[in-house]
PDBML (XML) file of the C-alpha atoms, coordinates in Angstrom:
<?xml version="1.0" encoding="UTF-8" ?>
<PDBx:datablock datablockName="MODEL"
   xmlns:PDBx="http://pdbml.pdb.org/schema/pdbx-v50.xsd"
   xmlns:xsi="http://www.w3.org/2001/XMLSchema-instance"
   xsi:schemaLocation="http://pdbml.pdb.org/schema/pdbx-v50.xsd pdbx-v50.xsd">
   <PDBx:atom_siteCategory>
      <PDBx:atom_site id="1">
         <PDBx:B_iso_or_equiv>0.00</PDBx:B_iso_or_equiv>
         <PDBx:Cartn_x>-16.986</PDBx:Cartn_x>
         <PDBx:Cartn_y>-15.761</PDBx:Cartn_y>
         <PDBx:Cartn_z>-3.115</PDBx:Cartn_z>
         <PDBx:auth_asym_id>A</PDBx:auth_asym_id>
         <PDBx:auth_atom_id>CA</PDBx:auth_atom_id>
         <PDBx:auth_comp_id>UNK</PDBx:auth_comp_id>
         <PDBx:auth_seq_id>1</PDBx:auth_seq_id>
         <PDBx:group_PDB>ATOM</PDBx:group_PDB>
         <PDBx:label_alt_id xsi:nil="true" />
         <PDBx:label_asym_id>A</PDBx:label_asym_id>
         <PDBx:label_atom_id>CA</PDBx:label_atom_id>
         <PDBx:label_comp_id>UNK</PDBx:label_comp_id>
         <PDBx:label_entity_id>1</PDBx:label_entity_id>
         <PDBx:label_seq_id>1</PDBx:label_seq_id>
         <PDBx:occupancy>1.00</PDBx:occupancy>
         <PDBx:pdbx_PDB_model_num>1</PDBx:pdbx_PDB_model_num>
         <PDBx:type_symbol>C</PDBx:type_symbol>
      </PDBx:atom_site>
      <PDBx:atom_site id="2">
         <PDBx:B_iso_or_equiv>0.00</PDBx:B_iso_or_equiv>
         <PDBx:Cartn_x>-17.670</PDBx:Cartn_x>
         <PDBx:Cartn_y>-19.296</PDBx:Cartn_y>
         <PDBx:Cartn_z>-1.897</PDBx:Cartn_z>
         <PDBx:auth_asym_id>A</PDBx:auth_asym_id>
         <PDBx:auth_atom_id>CA</PDBx:auth_atom_id>
         <PDBx:auth_comp_id>UNK</PDBx:auth_comp_id>
         <PDBx:auth_seq_id>2</PDBx:auth_seq_id>
         <PDBx:group_PDB>ATOM</PDBx:group_PDB>
         <PDBx:label_alt_id xsi:nil="true" />
         <PDBx:label_asym_id>A</PDBx:label_asym_id>
         <PDBx:label_atom_id>CA</PDBx:label_atom_id>
         <PDBx:label_comp_id>UNK</PDBx:label_comp_id>
         <PDBx:label_entity_id>1</PDBx:label_entity_id>
         <PDBx:label_seq_id>2</PDBx:label_seq_id>
         <PDBx:occupancy>1.00</PDBx:occupancy>
         <PDBx:pdbx_PDB_model_num>1</PDBx:pdbx_PDB_model_num>
         <PDBx:type_symbol>C</PDBx:type_symbol>
      </PDBx:atom_site>
      <PDBx:atom_site id="3">
         <PDBx:B_iso_or_equiv>0.00</PDBx:B_iso_or_equiv>
         <PDBx:Cartn_x>-18.250</PDBx:Cartn_x>
         <PDBx:Cartn_y>-22.652</PDBx:Cartn_y>
         <PDBx:Cartn_z>-3.523</PDBx:Cartn_z>
         <PDBx:auth_asym_id>A</PDBx:auth_asym_id>
         <PDBx:auth_atom_id>CA</PDBx:auth_atom_id>
         <PDBx:auth_comp_id>UNK</PDBx:auth_comp_id>
         <PDBx:auth_seq_id>3</PDBx:auth_seq_id>
         <PDBx:group_PDB>ATOM</PDBx:group_PDB>
         <PDBx:label_alt_id xsi:nil="true" />
         <PDBx:label_asym_id>A</PDBx:label_asym_id>
         <PDBx:label_atom_id>CA</PDBx:label_atom_id>
         <PDBx:label_comp_id>UNK</PDBx:label_comp_id>
         <PDBx:label_entity_id>1</PDBx:label_entity_id>
         <PDBx:label_seq_id>3</PDBx:label_seq_id>
         <PDBx:occupancy>1.00</PDBx:occupancy>
         <PDBx:pdbx_PDB_model_num>1</PDBx:pdbx_PDB_model_num>
         <PDBx:type_symbol>C</PDBx:type_symbol>
      </PDBx:atom_site>
      <PDBx:atom_site id="4">
         <PDBx:B_iso_or_equiv>0.00</PDBx:B_iso_or_equiv>
         <PDBx:Cartn_x>-19.483</PDBx:Cartn_x>
         <PDBx:Cartn_y>-25.260</PDBx:Cartn_y>
         <PDBx:Cartn_z>-1.024</PDBx:Cartn_z>
         <PDBx:auth_asym_id>A</PDBx:auth_asym_id>
         <PDBx:auth_atom_id>CA</PDBx:auth_atom_id>
         <PDBx:auth_comp_id>UNK</PDBx:auth_comp_id>
         <PDBx:auth_seq_id>4</PDBx:auth_seq_id>
         <PDBx:group_PDB>ATOM</PDBx:group_PDB>
         <PDBx:label_alt_id xsi:nil="true" />
         <PDBx:label_asym_id>A</PDBx:label_asym_id>
         <PDBx:label_atom_id>CA</PDBx:label_atom_id>
         <PDBx:label_comp_id>UNK</PDBx:label_comp_id>
         <PDBx:label_entity_id>1</PDBx:label_entity_id>
         <PDBx:label_seq_id>4</PDBx:label_seq_id>
         <PDBx:occupancy>1.00</PDBx:occupancy>
         <PDBx:pdbx_PDB_model_num>1</PDBx:pdbx_PDB_model_num>
         <PDBx:type_symbol>C</PDBx:type_symbol>
      </PDBx:atom_site>
      <PDBx:atom_site id="5">
         <PDBx:B_iso_or_equiv>0.00</PDBx:B_iso_or_equiv>
         <PDBx:Cartn_x>-18.928</PDBx:Cartn_x>
         <PDBx:Cartn_y>-28.924</PDBx:Cartn_y>
         <PDBx:Cartn_z>-1.814</PDBx:Cartn_z>
         <PDBx:auth_asym_id>A</PDBx:auth_asym_id>
         <PDBx:auth_atom_id>CA</PDBx:auth_atom_id>
         <PDBx:auth_comp_id>UNK</PDBx:auth_comp_id>
         <PDBx:auth_seq_id>5</PDBx:auth_seq_id>
         <PDBx:group_PDB>ATOM</PDBx:group_PDB>
         <PDBx:label_alt_id xsi:nil="true" />
         <PDBx:label_asym_id>A</PDBx:label_asym_id>
         <PDBx:label_atom_id>CA</PDBx:label_atom_id>
         <PDBx:label_comp_id>UNK</PDBx:label_comp_id>
         <PDBx:label_entity_id>1</PDBx:label_entity_id>
         <PDBx:label_seq_id>5</PDBx:label_seq_id>
         <PDBx:occupancy>1.00</PDBx:occupancy>
         <PDBx:pdbx_PDB_model_num>1</PDBx:pdbx_PDB_model_num>
         <PDBx:type_symbol>C</PDBx:type_symbol>
      </PDBx:atom_site>
      <PDBx:atom_site id="6">
         <PDBx:B_iso_or_equiv>0.00</PDBx:B_iso_or_equiv>
         <PDBx:Cartn_x>-20.443</PDBx:Cartn_x>
         <PDBx:Cartn_y>-31.868</PDBx:Cartn_y>
         <PDBx:Cartn_z>0.036</PDBx:Cartn_z>
         <PDBx:auth_asym_id>A</PDBx:auth_asym_id>
         <PDBx:auth_atom_id>CA</PDBx:auth_atom_id>
         <PDBx:auth_comp_id>UNK</PDBx:auth_comp_id>
         <PDBx:auth_seq_id>6</PDBx:auth_seq_id>
         <PDBx:group_PDB>ATOM</PDBx:group_PDB>
         <PDBx:label_alt_id xsi:nil="true" />
         <PDBx:label_asym_id>A</PDBx:label_asym_id>
         <PDBx:label_atom_id>CA</PDBx:label_atom_id>
         <PDBx:label_comp_id>UNK</PDBx:label_comp_id>
         <PDBx:label_entity_id>1</PDBx:label_entity_id>
         <PDBx:label_seq_id>6</PDBx:label_seq_id>
         <PDBx:occupancy>1.00</PDBx:occupancy>
         <PDBx:pdbx_PDB_model_num>1</PDBx:pdbx_PDB_model_num>
         <PDBx:type_symbol>C</PDBx:type_symbol>
      </PDBx:atom_site>
      <PDBx:atom_site id="7">
         <PDBx:B_iso_or_equiv>0.00</PDBx:B_iso_or_equiv>
         <PDBx:Cartn_x>-22.147</PDBx:Cartn_x>
         <PDBx:Cartn_y>-35.175</PDBx:Cartn_y>
         <PDBx:Cartn_z>-0.750</PDBx:Cartn_z>
         <PDBx:auth_asym_id>A</PDBx:auth_asym_id>
         <PDBx:auth_atom_id>CA</PDBx:auth_atom_id>
         <PDBx:auth_comp_id>UNK</PDBx:auth_comp_id>
         <PDBx:auth_seq_id>7</PDBx:auth_seq_id>
         <PDBx:group_PDB>ATOM</PDBx:group_PDB>
         <PDBx:label_alt_id xsi:nil="true" />
         <PDBx:label_asym_id>A</PDBx:label_asym_id>
         <PDBx:label_atom_id>CA</PDBx:label_atom_id>
         <PDBx:label_comp_id>UNK</PDBx:label_comp_id>
         <PDBx:label_entity_id>1</PDBx:label_entity_id>
         <PDBx:label_seq_id>7</PDBx:label_seq_id>
         <PDBx:occupancy>1.00</PDBx:occupancy>
         <PDBx:pdbx_PDB_model_num>1</PDBx:pdbx_PDB_model_num>
         <PDBx:type_symbol>C</PDBx:type_symbol>
      </PDBx:atom_site>
      <PDBx:atom_site id="8">
         <PDBx:B_iso_or_equiv>0.00</PDBx:B_iso_or_equiv>
         <PDBx:Cartn_x>-25.256</PDBx:Cartn_x>
         <PDBx:Cartn_y>-34.545</PDBx:Cartn_y>
         <PDBx:Cartn_z>1.369</PDBx:Cartn_z>
         <PDBx:auth_asym_id>A</PDBx:auth_asym_id>
         <PDBx:auth_atom_id>CA</PDBx:auth_atom_id>
         <PDBx:auth_comp_id>UNK</PDBx:auth_comp_id>
         <PDBx:auth_seq_id>8</PDBx:auth_seq_id>
         <PDBx:group_PDB>ATOM</PDBx:group_PDB>
         <PDBx:label_alt_id xsi:nil="true" />
         <PDBx:label_asym_id>A</PDBx:label_asym_id>
         <PDBx:label_atom_id>CA</PDBx:label_atom_id>
         <PDBx:label_comp_id>UNK</PDBx:label_comp_id>
         <PDBx:label_entity_id>1</PDBx:label_entity_id>
         <PDBx:label_seq_id>8</PDBx:label_seq_id>
         <PDBx:occupancy>1.00</PDBx:occupancy>
         <PDBx:pdbx_PDB_model_num>1</PDBx:pdbx_PDB_model_num>
         <PDBx:type_symbol>C</PDBx:type_symbol>
      </PDBx:atom_site>
      <PDBx:atom_site id="9">
         <PDBx:B_iso_or_equiv>0.00</PDBx:B_iso_or_equiv>
         <PDBx:Cartn_x>-28.055</PDBx:Cartn_x>
         <PDBx:Cartn_y>-32.356</PDBx:Cartn_y>
         <PDBx:Cartn_z>0.018</PDBx:Cartn_z>
         <PDBx:auth_asym_id>A</PDBx:auth_asym_id>
         <PDBx:auth_atom_id>CA</PDBx:auth_atom_id>
         <PDBx:auth_comp_id>UNK</PDBx:auth_comp_id>
         <PDBx:auth_seq_id>9</PDBx:auth_seq_id>
         <PDBx:group_PDB>ATOM</PDBx:group_PDB>
         <PDBx:label_alt_id xsi:nil="true" />
         <PDBx:label_asym_id>A</PDBx:label_asym_id>
         <PDBx:label_atom_id>CA</PDBx:label_atom_id>
         <PDBx:label_comp_id>UNK</PDBx:label_comp_id>
         <PDBx:label_entity_id>1</PDBx:label_entity_id>
         <PDBx:label_seq_id>9</PDBx:label_seq_id>
         <PDBx:occupancy>1.00</PDBx:occupancy>
         <PDBx:pdbx_PDB_model_num>1</PDBx:pdbx_PDB_model_num>
         <PDBx:type_symbol>C</PDBx:type_symbol>
      </PDBx:atom_site>
      <PDBx:atom_site id="10">
         <PDBx:B_iso_or_equiv>0.00</PDBx:B_iso_or_equiv>
         <PDBx:Cartn_x>-29.111</PDBx:Cartn_x>
         <PDBx:Cartn_y>-31.282</PDBx:Cartn_y>
         <PDBx:Cartn_z>3.535</PDBx:Cartn_z>
         <PDBx:auth_asym_id>A</PDBx:auth_asym_id>
         <PDBx:auth_atom_id>CA</PDBx:auth_atom_id>
         <PDBx:auth_comp_id>UNK</PDBx:auth_comp_id>
         <PDBx:auth_seq_id>10</PDBx:auth_seq_id>
         <PDBx:group_PDB>ATOM</PDBx:group_PDB>
         <PDBx:label_alt_id xsi:nil="true" />
         <PDBx:label_asym_id>A</PDBx:label_asym_id>
         <PDBx:label_atom_id>CA</PDBx:label_atom_id>
         <PDBx:label_comp_id>UNK</PDBx:label_comp_id>
         <PDBx:label_entity_id>1</PDBx:label_entity_id>
         <PDBx:label_seq_id>10</PDBx:label_seq_id>
         <PDBx:occupancy>1.00</PDBx:occupancy>
         <PDBx:pdbx_PDB_model_num>1</PDBx:pdbx_PDB_model_num>
         <PDBx:type_symbol>C</PDBx:type_symbol>
      </PDBx:atom_site>
      <PDBx:atom_site id="11">
         <PDBx:B_iso_or_equiv>0.00</PDBx:B_iso_or_equiv>
         <PDBx:Cartn_x>-25.610</PDBx:Cartn_x>
         <PDBx:Cartn_y>-29.913</PDBx:Cartn_y>
         <PDBx:Cartn_z>4.175</PDBx:Cartn_z>
         <PDBx:auth_asym_id>A</PDBx:auth_asym_id>
         <PDBx:auth_atom_id>CA</PDBx:auth_atom_id>
         <PDBx:auth_comp_id>UNK</PDBx:auth_comp_id>
         <PDBx:auth_seq_id>11</PDBx:auth_seq_id>
         <PDBx:group_PDB>ATOM</PDBx:group_PDB>
         <PDBx:label_alt_id xsi:nil="true" />
         <PDBx:label_asym_id>A</PDBx:label_asym_id>
         <PDBx:label_atom_id>CA</PDBx:label_atom_id>
         <PDBx:label_comp_id>UNK</PDBx:label_comp_id>
         <PDBx:label_entity_id>1</PDBx:label_entity_id>
         <PDBx:label_seq_id>11</PDBx:label_seq_id>
         <PDBx:occupancy>1.00</PDBx:occupancy>
         <PDBx:pdbx_PDB_model_num>1</PDBx:pdbx_PDB_model_num>
         <PDBx:type_symbol>C</PDBx:type_symbol>
      </PDBx:atom_site>
      <PDBx:atom_site id="12">
         <PDBx:B_iso_or_equiv>0.00</PDBx:B_iso_or_equiv>
         <PDBx:Cartn_x>-25.700</PDBx:Cartn_x>
         <PDBx:Cartn_y>-28.067</PDBx:Cartn_y>
         <PDBx:Cartn_z>0.861</PDBx:Cartn_z>
         <PDBx:auth_asym_id>A</PDBx:auth_asym_id>
         <PDBx:auth_atom_id>CA</PDBx:auth_atom_id>
         <PDBx:auth_comp_id>UNK</PDBx:auth_comp_id>
         <PDBx:auth_seq_id>12</PDBx:auth_seq_id>
         <PDBx:group_PDB>ATOM</PDBx:group_PDB>
         <PDBx:label_alt_id xsi:nil="true" />
         <PDBx:label_asym_id>A</PDBx:label_asym_id>
         <PDBx:label_atom_id>CA</PDBx:label_atom_id>
         <PDBx:label_comp_id>UNK</PDBx:label_comp_id>
         <PDBx:label_entity_id>1</PDBx:label_entity_id>
         <PDBx:label_seq_id>12</PDBx:label_seq_id>
         <PDBx:occupancy>1.00</PDBx:occupancy>
         <PDBx:pdbx_PDB_model_num>1</PDBx:pdbx_PDB_model_num>
         <PDBx:type_symbol>C</PDBx:type_symbol>
      </PDBx:atom_site>
      <PDBx:atom_site id="13">
         <PDBx:B_iso_or_equiv>0.00</PDBx:B_iso_or_equiv>
         <PDBx:Cartn_x>-29.056</PDBx:Cartn_x>
         <PDBx:Cartn_y>-26.563</PDBx:Cartn_y>
         <PDBx:Cartn_z>1.865</PDBx:Cartn_z>
         <PDBx:auth_asym_id>A</PDBx:auth_asym_id>
         <PDBx:auth_atom_id>CA</PDBx:auth_atom_id>
         <PDBx:auth_comp_id>UNK</PDBx:auth_comp_id>
         <PDBx:auth_seq_id>13</PDBx:auth_seq_id>
         <PDBx:group_PDB>ATOM</PDBx:group_PDB>
         <PDBx:label_alt_id xsi:nil="true" />
         <PDBx:label_asym_id>A</PDBx:label_asym_id>
         <PDBx:label_atom_id>CA</PDBx:label_atom_id>
         <PDBx:label_comp_id>UNK</PDBx:label_comp_id>
         <PDBx:label_entity_id>1</PDBx:label_entity_id>
         <PDBx:label_seq_id>13</PDBx:label_seq_id>
         <PDBx:occupancy>1.00</PDBx:occupancy>
         <PDBx:pdbx_PDB_model_num>1</PDBx:pdbx_PDB_model_num>
         <PDBx:type_symbol>C</PDBx:type_symbol>
      </PDBx:atom_site>
      <PDBx:atom_site id="14">
         <PDBx:B_iso_or_equiv>0.00</PDBx:B_iso_or_equiv>
         <PDBx:Cartn_x>-27.394</PDBx:Cartn_x>
         <PDBx:Cartn_y>-25.337</PDBx:Cartn_y>
         <PDBx:Cartn_z>5.057</PDBx:Cartn_z>
         <PDBx:auth_asym_id>A</PDBx:auth_asym_id>
         <PDBx:auth_atom_id>CA</PDBx:auth_atom_id>
         <PDBx:auth_comp_id>UNK</PDBx:auth_comp_id>
         <PDBx:auth_seq_id>14</PDBx:auth_seq_id>
         <PDBx:group_PDB>ATOM</PDBx:group_PDB>
         <PDBx:label_alt_id xsi:nil="true" />
         <PDBx:label_asym_id>A</PDBx:label_asym_id>
         <PDBx:label_atom_id>CA</PDBx:label_atom_id>
         <PDBx:label_comp_id>UNK</PDBx:label_comp_id>
         <PDBx:label_entity_id>1</PDBx:label_entity_id>
         <PDBx:label_seq_id>14</PDBx:label_seq_id>
         <PDBx:occupancy>1.00</PDBx:occupancy>
         <PDBx:pdbx_PDB_model_num>1</PDBx:pdbx_PDB_model_num>
         <PDBx:type_symbol>C</PDBx:type_symbol>
      </PDBx:atom_site>
      <PDBx:atom_site id="15">
         <PDBx:B_iso_or_equiv>0.00</PDBx:B_iso_or_equiv>
         <PDBx:Cartn_x>-24.565</PDBx:Cartn_x>
         <PDBx:Cartn_y>-23.921</PDBx:Cartn_y>
         <PDBx:Cartn_z>2.940</PDBx:Cartn_z>
         <PDBx:auth_asym_id>A</PDBx:auth_asym_id>
         <PDBx:auth_atom_id>CA</PDBx:auth_atom_id>
         <PDBx:auth_comp_id>UNK</PDBx:auth_comp_id>
         <PDBx:auth_seq_id>15</PDBx:auth_seq_id>
         <PDBx:group_PDB>ATOM</PDBx:group_PDB>
         <PDBx:label_alt_id xsi:nil="true" />
         <PDBx:label_asym_id>A</PDBx:label_asym_id>
         <PDBx:label_atom_id>CA</PDBx:label_atom_id>
         <PDBx:label_comp_id>UNK</PDBx:label_comp_id>
         <PDBx:label_entity_id>1</PDBx:label_entity_id>
         <PDBx:label_seq_id>15</PDBx:label_seq_id>
         <PDBx:occupancy>1.00</PDBx:occupancy>
         <PDBx:pdbx_PDB_model_num>1</PDBx:pdbx_PDB_model_num>
         <PDBx:type_symbol>C</PDBx:type_symbol>
      </PDBx:atom_site>
      <PDBx:atom_site id="16">
         <PDBx:B_iso_or_equiv>0.00</PDBx:B_iso_or_equiv>
         <PDBx:Cartn_x>-27.064</PDBx:Cartn_x>
         <PDBx:Cartn_y>-21.964</PDBx:Cartn_y>
         <PDBx:Cartn_z>0.827</PDBx:Cartn_z>
         <PDBx:auth_asym_id>A</PDBx:auth_asym_id>
         <PDBx:auth_atom_id>CA</PDBx:auth_atom_id>
         <PDBx:auth_comp_id>UNK</PDBx:auth_comp_id>
         <PDBx:auth_seq_id>16</PDBx:auth_seq_id>
         <PDBx:group_PDB>ATOM</PDBx:group_PDB>
         <PDBx:label_alt_id xsi:nil="true" />
         <PDBx:label_asym_id>A</PDBx:label_asym_id>
         <PDBx:label_atom_id>CA</PDBx:label_atom_id>
         <PDBx:label_comp_id>UNK</PDBx:label_comp_id>
         <PDBx:label_entity_id>1</PDBx:label_entity_id>
         <PDBx:label_seq_id>16</PDBx:label_seq_id>
         <PDBx:occupancy>1.00</PDBx:occupancy>
         <PDBx:pdbx_PDB_model_num>1</PDBx:pdbx_PDB_model_num>
         <PDBx:type_symbol>C</PDBx:type_symbol>
      </PDBx:atom_site>
      <PDBx:atom_site id="17">
         <PDBx:B_iso_or_equiv>0.00</PDBx:B_iso_or_equiv>
         <PDBx:Cartn_x>-28.672</PDBx:Cartn_x>
         <PDBx:Cartn_y>-20.553</PDBx:Cartn_y>
         <PDBx:Cartn_z>3.976</PDBx:Cartn_z>
         <PDBx:auth_asym_id>A</PDBx:auth_asym_id>
         <PDBx:auth_atom_id>CA</PDBx:auth_atom_id>
         <PDBx:auth_comp_id>UNK</PDBx:auth_comp_id>
         <PDBx:auth_seq_id>17</PDBx:auth_seq_id>
         <PDBx:group_PDB>ATOM</PDBx:group_PDB>
         <PDBx:label_alt_id xsi:nil="true" />
         <PDBx:label_asym_id>A</PDBx:label_asym_id>
         <PDBx:label_atom_id>CA</PDBx:label_atom_id>
         <PDBx:label_comp_id>UNK</PDBx:label_comp_id>
         <PDBx:label_entity_id>1</PDBx:label_entity_id>
         <PDBx:label_seq_id>17</PDBx:label_seq_id>
         <PDBx:occupancy>1.00</PDBx:occupancy>
         <PDBx:pdbx_PDB_model_num>1</PDBx:pdbx_PDB_model_num>
         <PDBx:type_symbol>C</PDBx:type_symbol>
      </PDBx:atom_site>
      <PDBx:atom_site id="18">
         <PDBx:B_iso_or_equiv>0.00</PDBx:B_iso_or_equiv>
         <PDBx:Cartn_x>-25.238</PDBx:Cartn_x>
         <PDBx:Cartn_y>-19.507</PDBx:Cartn_y>
         <PDBx:Cartn_z>5.219</PDBx:Cartn_z>
         <PDBx:auth_asym_id>A</PDBx:auth_asym_id>
         <PDBx:auth_atom_id>CA</PDBx:auth_atom_id>
         <PDBx:auth_comp_id>UNK</PDBx:auth_comp_id>
         <PDBx:auth_seq_id>18</PDBx:auth_seq_id>
         <PDBx:group_PDB>ATOM</PDBx:group_PDB>
         <PDBx:label_alt_id xsi:nil="true" />
         <PDBx:label_asym_id>A</PDBx:label_asym_id>
         <PDBx:label_atom_id>CA</PDBx:label_atom_id>
         <PDBx:label_comp_id>UNK</PDBx:label_comp_id>
         <PDBx:label_entity_id>1</PDBx:label_entity_id>
         <PDBx:label_seq_id>18</PDBx:label_seq_id>
         <PDBx:occupancy>1.00</PDBx:occupancy>
         <PDBx:pdbx_PDB_model_num>1</PDBx:pdbx_PDB_model_num>
         <PDBx:type_symbol>C</PDBx:type_symbol>
      </PDBx:atom_site>
      <PDBx:atom_site id="19">
         <PDBx:B_iso_or_equiv>0.00</PDBx:B_iso_or_equiv>
         <PDBx:Cartn_x>-24.478</PDBx:Cartn_x>
         <PDBx:Cartn_y>-17.604</PDBx:Cartn_y>
         <PDBx:Cartn_z>2.015</PDBx:Cartn_z>
         <PDBx:auth_asym_id>A</PDBx:auth_asym_id>
         <PDBx:auth_atom_id>CA</PDBx:auth_atom_id>
         <PDBx:auth_comp_id>UNK</PDBx:auth_comp_id>
         <PDBx:auth_seq_id>19</PDBx:auth_seq_id>
         <PDBx:group_PDB>ATOM</PDBx:group_PDB>
         <PDBx:label_alt_id xsi:nil="true" />
         <PDBx:label_asym_id>A</PDBx:label_asym_id>
         <PDBx:label_atom_id>CA</PDBx:label_atom_id>
         <PDBx:label_comp_id>UNK</PDBx:label_comp_id>
         <PDBx:label_entity_id>1</PDBx:label_entity_id>
         <PDBx:label_seq_id>19</PDBx:label_seq_id>
         <PDBx:occupancy>1.00</PDBx:occupancy>
         <PDBx:pdbx_PDB_model_num>1</PDBx:pdbx_PDB_model_num>
         <PDBx:type_symbol>C</PDBx:type_symbol>
      </PDBx:atom_site>
      <PDBx:atom_site id="20">
         <PDBx:B_iso_or_equiv>0.00</PDBx:B_iso_or_equiv>
         <PDBx:Cartn_x>-22.691</PDBx:Cartn_x>
         <PDBx:Cartn_y>-20.008</PDBx:Cartn_y>
         <PDBx:Cartn_z>-0.348</PDBx:Cartn_z>
         <PDBx:auth_asym_id>A</PDBx:auth_asym_id>
         <PDBx:auth_atom_id>CA</PDBx:auth_atom_id>
         <PDBx:auth_comp_id>UNK</PDBx:auth_comp_id>
         <PDBx:auth_seq_id>20</PDBx:auth_seq_id>
         <PDBx:group_PDB>ATOM</PDBx:group_PDB>
         <PDBx:label_alt_id xsi:nil="true" />
         <PDBx:label_asym_id>A</PDBx:label_asym_id>
         <PDBx:label_atom_id>CA</PDBx:label_atom_id>
         <PDBx:label_comp_id>UNK</PDBx:label_comp_id>
         <PDBx:label_entity_id>1</PDBx:label_entity_id>
         <PDBx:label_seq_id>20</PDBx:label_seq_id>
         <PDBx:occupancy>1.00</PDBx:occupancy>
         <PDBx:pdbx_PDB_model_num>1</PDBx:pdbx_PDB_model_num>
         <PDBx:type_symbol>C</PDBx:type_symbol>
      </PDBx:atom_site>
      <PDBx:atom_site id="21">
         <PDBx:B_iso_or_equiv>0.00</PDBx:B_iso_or_equiv>
         <PDBx:Cartn_x>-22.597</PDBx:Cartn_x>
         <PDBx:Cartn_y>-18.557</PDBx:Cartn_y>
         <PDBx:Cartn_z>-3.856</PDBx:Cartn_z>
         <PDBx:auth_asym_id>A</PDBx:auth_asym_id>
         <PDBx:auth_atom_id>CA</PDBx:auth_atom_id>
         <PDBx:auth_comp_id>UNK</PDBx:auth_comp_id>
         <PDBx:auth_seq_id>21</PDBx:auth_seq_id>
         <PDBx:group_PDB>ATOM</PDBx:group_PDB>
         <PDBx:label_alt_id xsi:nil="true" />
         <PDBx:label_asym_id>A</PDBx:label_asym_id>
         <PDBx:label_atom_id>CA</PDBx:label_atom_id>
         <PDBx:label_comp_id>UNK</PDBx:label_comp_id>
         <PDBx:label_entity_id>1</PDBx:label_entity_id>
         <PDBx:label_seq_id>21</PDBx:label_seq_id>
         <PDBx:occupancy>1.00</PDBx:occupancy>
         <PDBx:pdbx_PDB_model_num>1</PDBx:pdbx_PDB_model_num>
         <PDBx:type_symbol>C</PDBx:type_symbol>
      </PDBx:atom_site>
      <PDBx:atom_site id="22">
         <PDBx:B_iso_or_equiv>0.00</PDBx:B_iso_or_equiv>
         <PDBx:Cartn_x>-22.449</PDBx:Cartn_x>
         <PDBx:Cartn_y>-21.994</PDBx:Cartn_y>
         <PDBx:Cartn_z>-5.483</PDBx:Cartn_z>
         <PDBx:auth_asym_id>A</PDBx:auth_asym_id>
         <PDBx:auth_atom_id>CA</PDBx:auth_atom_id>
         <PDBx:auth_comp_id>UNK</PDBx:auth_comp_id>
         <PDBx:auth_seq_id>22</PDBx:auth_seq_id>
         <PDBx:group_PDB>ATOM</PDBx:group_PDB>
         <PDBx:label_alt_id xsi:nil="true" />
         <PDBx:label_asym_id>A</PDBx:label_asym_id>
         <PDBx:label_atom_id>CA</PDBx:label_atom_id>
         <PDBx:label_comp_id>UNK</PDBx:label_comp_id>
         <PDBx:label_entity_id>1</PDBx:label_entity_id>
         <PDBx:label_seq_id>22</PDBx:label_seq_id>
         <PDBx:occupancy>1.00</PDBx:occupancy>
         <PDBx:pdbx_PDB_model_num>1</PDBx:pdbx_PDB_model_num>
         <PDBx:type_symbol>C</PDBx:type_symbol>
      </PDBx:atom_site>
      <PDBx:atom_site id="23">
         <PDBx:B_iso_or_equiv>0.00</PDBx:B_iso_or_equiv>
         <PDBx:Cartn_x>-23.164</PDBx:Cartn_x>
         <PDBx:Cartn_y>-25.440</PDBx:Cartn_y>
         <PDBx:Cartn_z>-4.028</PDBx:Cartn_z>
         <PDBx:auth_asym_id>A</PDBx:auth_asym_id>
         <PDBx:auth_atom_id>CA</PDBx:auth_atom_id>
         <PDBx:auth_comp_id>UNK</PDBx:auth_comp_id>
         <PDBx:auth_seq_id>23</PDBx:auth_seq_id>
         <PDBx:group_PDB>ATOM</PDBx:group_PDB>
         <PDBx:label_alt_id xsi:nil="true" />
         <PDBx:label_asym_id>A</PDBx:label_asym_id>
         <PDBx:label_atom_id>CA</PDBx:label_atom_id>
         <PDBx:label_comp_id>UNK</PDBx:label_comp_id>
         <PDBx:label_entity_id>1</PDBx:label_entity_id>
         <PDBx:label_seq_id>23</PDBx:label_seq_id>
         <PDBx:occupancy>1.00</PDBx:occupancy>
         <PDBx:pdbx_PDB_model_num>1</PDBx:pdbx_PDB_model_num>
         <PDBx:type_symbol>C</PDBx:type_symbol>
      </PDBx:atom_site>
      <PDBx:atom_site id="24">
         <PDBx:B_iso_or_equiv>0.00</PDBx:B_iso_or_equiv>
         <PDBx:Cartn_x>-22.042</PDBx:Cartn_x>
         <PDBx:Cartn_y>-28.698</PDBx:Cartn_y>
         <PDBx:Cartn_z>-5.601</PDBx:Cartn_z>
         <PDBx:auth_asym_id>A</PDBx:auth_asym_id>
         <PDBx:auth_atom_id>CA</PDBx:auth_atom_id>
         <PDBx:auth_comp_id>UNK</PDBx:auth_comp_id>
         <PDBx:auth_seq_id>24</PDBx:auth_seq_id>
         <PDBx:group_PDB>ATOM</PDBx:group_PDB>
         <PDBx:label_alt_id xsi:nil="true" />
         <PDBx:label_asym_id>A</PDBx:label_asym_id>
         <PDBx:label_atom_id>CA</PDBx:label_atom_id>
         <PDBx:label_comp_id>UNK</PDBx:label_comp_id>
         <PDBx:label_entity_id>1</PDBx:label_entity_id>
         <PDBx:label_seq_id>24</PDBx:label_seq_id>
         <PDBx:occupancy>1.00</PDBx:occupancy>
         <PDBx:pdbx_PDB_model_num>1</PDBx:pdbx_PDB_model_num>
         <PDBx:type_symbol>C</PDBx:type_symbol>
      </PDBx:atom_site>
   </PDBx:atom_siteCategory>
</PDBx:datablock>
């Protein structure tokens, strides 16, 4: 299960597309 953390919303959108369970 993956939490993705970044400071850029566009990178967090990519993380969601790649399957991140939670983005912060």
